[in-house]
């Protein structure tokens, strides 16, 4: 299962998005103003193994967290691999704010990032 939100902001129109479509084919790289977008990925361990009501609760919580931020341009939840992808208009601190909002409502969500040296 793949959840794509903000479909009207995709870089193309009239093309059906099928489950398993690679992100590089659907994720927008630039905002409406032409500036590059920032993005991040979170892992939600074991999400696909949970009962449907628990998955629905998590989806609702993710939606609540993300809708609070107008900078969010694109969201994809790949339930097959338990990965959330979020693309945003750049603003200092926006990714930290979003990750914090998500983790407040979905505490098991983990930011995927490079370990600093």
Protein backbone atom coordinates (compact mmCIF):
# COMPACT_ATOMS: atom_id res chain seq x y z
CA UNK A 1 0.00 0.00 0.00
CA UNK A 2 1.28 3.42 -0.87
CA UNK A 3 -0.33 6.64 0.31
CA UNK A 4 0.35 9.73 -1.76
CA UNK A 5 -0.89 13.02 -0.38
CA UNK A 6 -0.95 16.40 -2.09
CA UNK A 7 -1.34 14.65 -5.46
CA UNK A 8 -2.08 17.97 -7.19
CA UNK A 9 1.52 19.06 -6.48
CA UNK A 10 3.07 16.18 -8.39
CA UNK A 11 5.40 17.13 -11.25
CA UNK A 12 3.04 15.66 -13.84
CA UNK A 13 -0.69 15.40 -14.30
CA UNK A 14 -3.00 12.80 -15.72
CA UNK A 15 -0.65 9.91 -14.94
CA UNK A 16 -1.90 7.18 -12.61
CA UNK A 17 0.30 6.33 -9.67
CA UNK A 18 0.43 2.62 -9.11
CA UNK A 19 1.61 0.84 -5.98
CA UNK A 20 5.34 0.34 -6.17
CA UNK A 21 6.04 3.34 -8.41
CA UNK A 22 9.63 4.41 -7.60
CA UNK A 23 9.84 7.67 -5.69
CA UNK A 24 12.32 9.14 -8.15
CA UNK A 25 9.51 9.07 -10.73
CA UNK A 26 6.92 10.87 -8.60
CA UNK A 27 8.62 13.08 -6.00
CA UNK A 28 8.67 16.74 -7.01
CA UNK A 29 12.14 18.29 -6.90
CA UNK A 30 11.17 21.96 -7.13
CA UNK A 31 8.36 24.02 -5.63
CA UNK A 32 5.90 26.18 -7.52
CA UNK A 33 8.33 29.09 -7.20
CA UNK A 34 11.10 27.05 -8.88
CA UNK A 35 13.19 26.70 -5.71
CA UNK A 36 14.49 23.23 -4.81
CA UNK A 37 12.55 21.28 -2.20
CA UNK A 38 14.03 19.63 0.89
CA UNK A 39 12.98 16.16 1.93
CA UNK A 40 13.42 13.57 4.63
CA UNK A 41 12.57 9.97 5.29
CA UNK A 42 11.27 8.27 8.43
CA UNK A 43 10.99 4.60 9.28
CA UNK A 44 7.96 3.39 11.23
CA UNK A 45 9.05 -0.09 12.37
CA UNK A 46 6.43 -2.82 12.20
CA UNK A 47 3.65 -0.58 10.88
CA UNK A 48 2.54 -2.97 8.14
CA UNK A 49 2.24 -5.83 10.68
CA UNK A 50 -0.22 -4.00 12.90
CA UNK A 51 -3.99 -4.48 12.83
CA UNK A 52 -5.84 -2.24 10.38
CA UNK A 53 -7.29 -0.03 13.14
CA UNK A 54 -3.75 0.67 14.42
CA UNK A 55 -2.55 1.49 10.89
CA UNK A 56 -5.52 3.85 10.45
CA UNK A 57 -4.74 5.55 13.77
CA UNK A 58 -1.13 6.06 12.67
CA UNK A 59 -2.26 7.48 9.31
CA UNK A 60 -4.61 9.90 11.04
CA UNK A 61 -1.84 10.99 13.42
CA UNK A 62 0.57 11.51 10.52
CA UNK A 63 -2.02 13.59 8.72
CA UNK A 64 -2.61 15.73 11.83
CA UNK A 65 1.12 16.33 12.26
CA UNK A 66 1.76 17.20 8.61
CA UNK A 67 -1.29 19.39 8.00
CA UNK A 68 -0.07 21.84 10.66
CA UNK A 69 2.76 22.88 8.34
CA UNK A 70 2.03 24.74 5.13
CA UNK A 71 5.53 23.97 3.85
CA UNK A 72 4.63 20.31 3.19
CA UNK A 73 4.45 19.73 -0.56
CA UNK A 74 4.45 15.94 -0.93
CA UNK A 75 3.96 12.93 1.34
CA UNK A 76 4.33 9.24 0.51
CA UNK A 77 3.84 6.40 2.96
CA UNK A 78 5.07 3.08 1.63
CA UNK A 79 3.47 0.55 3.92
CA UNK A 80 5.29 -2.35 2.28
CA UNK A 81 8.61 -1.08 3.66
CA UNK A 82 7.23 1.08 6.52
CA UNK A 83 8.80 4.27 5.14
CA UNK A 84 7.41 7.80 5.20
CA UNK A 85 8.81 10.30 2.68
CA UNK A 86 8.09 14.02 3.07
CA UNK A 87 9.08 16.85 0.71
CA UNK A 88 8.85 20.45 1.92
CA UNK A 89 9.49 24.00 0.80
CA UNK A 90 12.81 25.03 2.34
CA UNK A 91 12.79 27.10 5.50
CA UNK A 92 15.37 27.02 8.29
CA UNK A 93 14.28 24.51 10.94
CA UNK A 94 11.27 23.09 9.08
CA UNK A 95 12.52 19.50 9.01
CA UNK A 96 13.25 19.50 12.74
CA UNK A 97 9.79 20.98 13.40
CA UNK A 98 8.08 18.35 11.25
CA UNK A 99 10.02 15.43 12.71
CA UNK A 100 9.20 16.64 16.21
CA UNK A 101 5.50 16.99 15.33
CA UNK A 102 5.42 13.51 13.81
CA UNK A 103 7.24 11.90 16.74
CA UNK A 104 4.90 13.58 19.21
CA UNK A 105 1.93 11.77 17.62
CA UNK A 106 3.76 8.70 16.27
CA UNK A 107 6.56 8.13 18.83
CA UNK A 108 7.87 5.00 17.13
CA UNK A 109 8.72 6.96 13.93
CA UNK A 110 12.49 7.19 13.40
CA UNK A 111 14.28 9.78 11.27
CA UNK A 112 16.59 8.19 8.72
CA UNK A 113 19.77 10.25 8.65
CA UNK A 114 23.50 10.00 8.26
CA UNK A 115 25.41 9.69 11.51
CA UNK A 116 27.50 12.83 12.01
CA UNK A 117 31.26 12.30 12.13
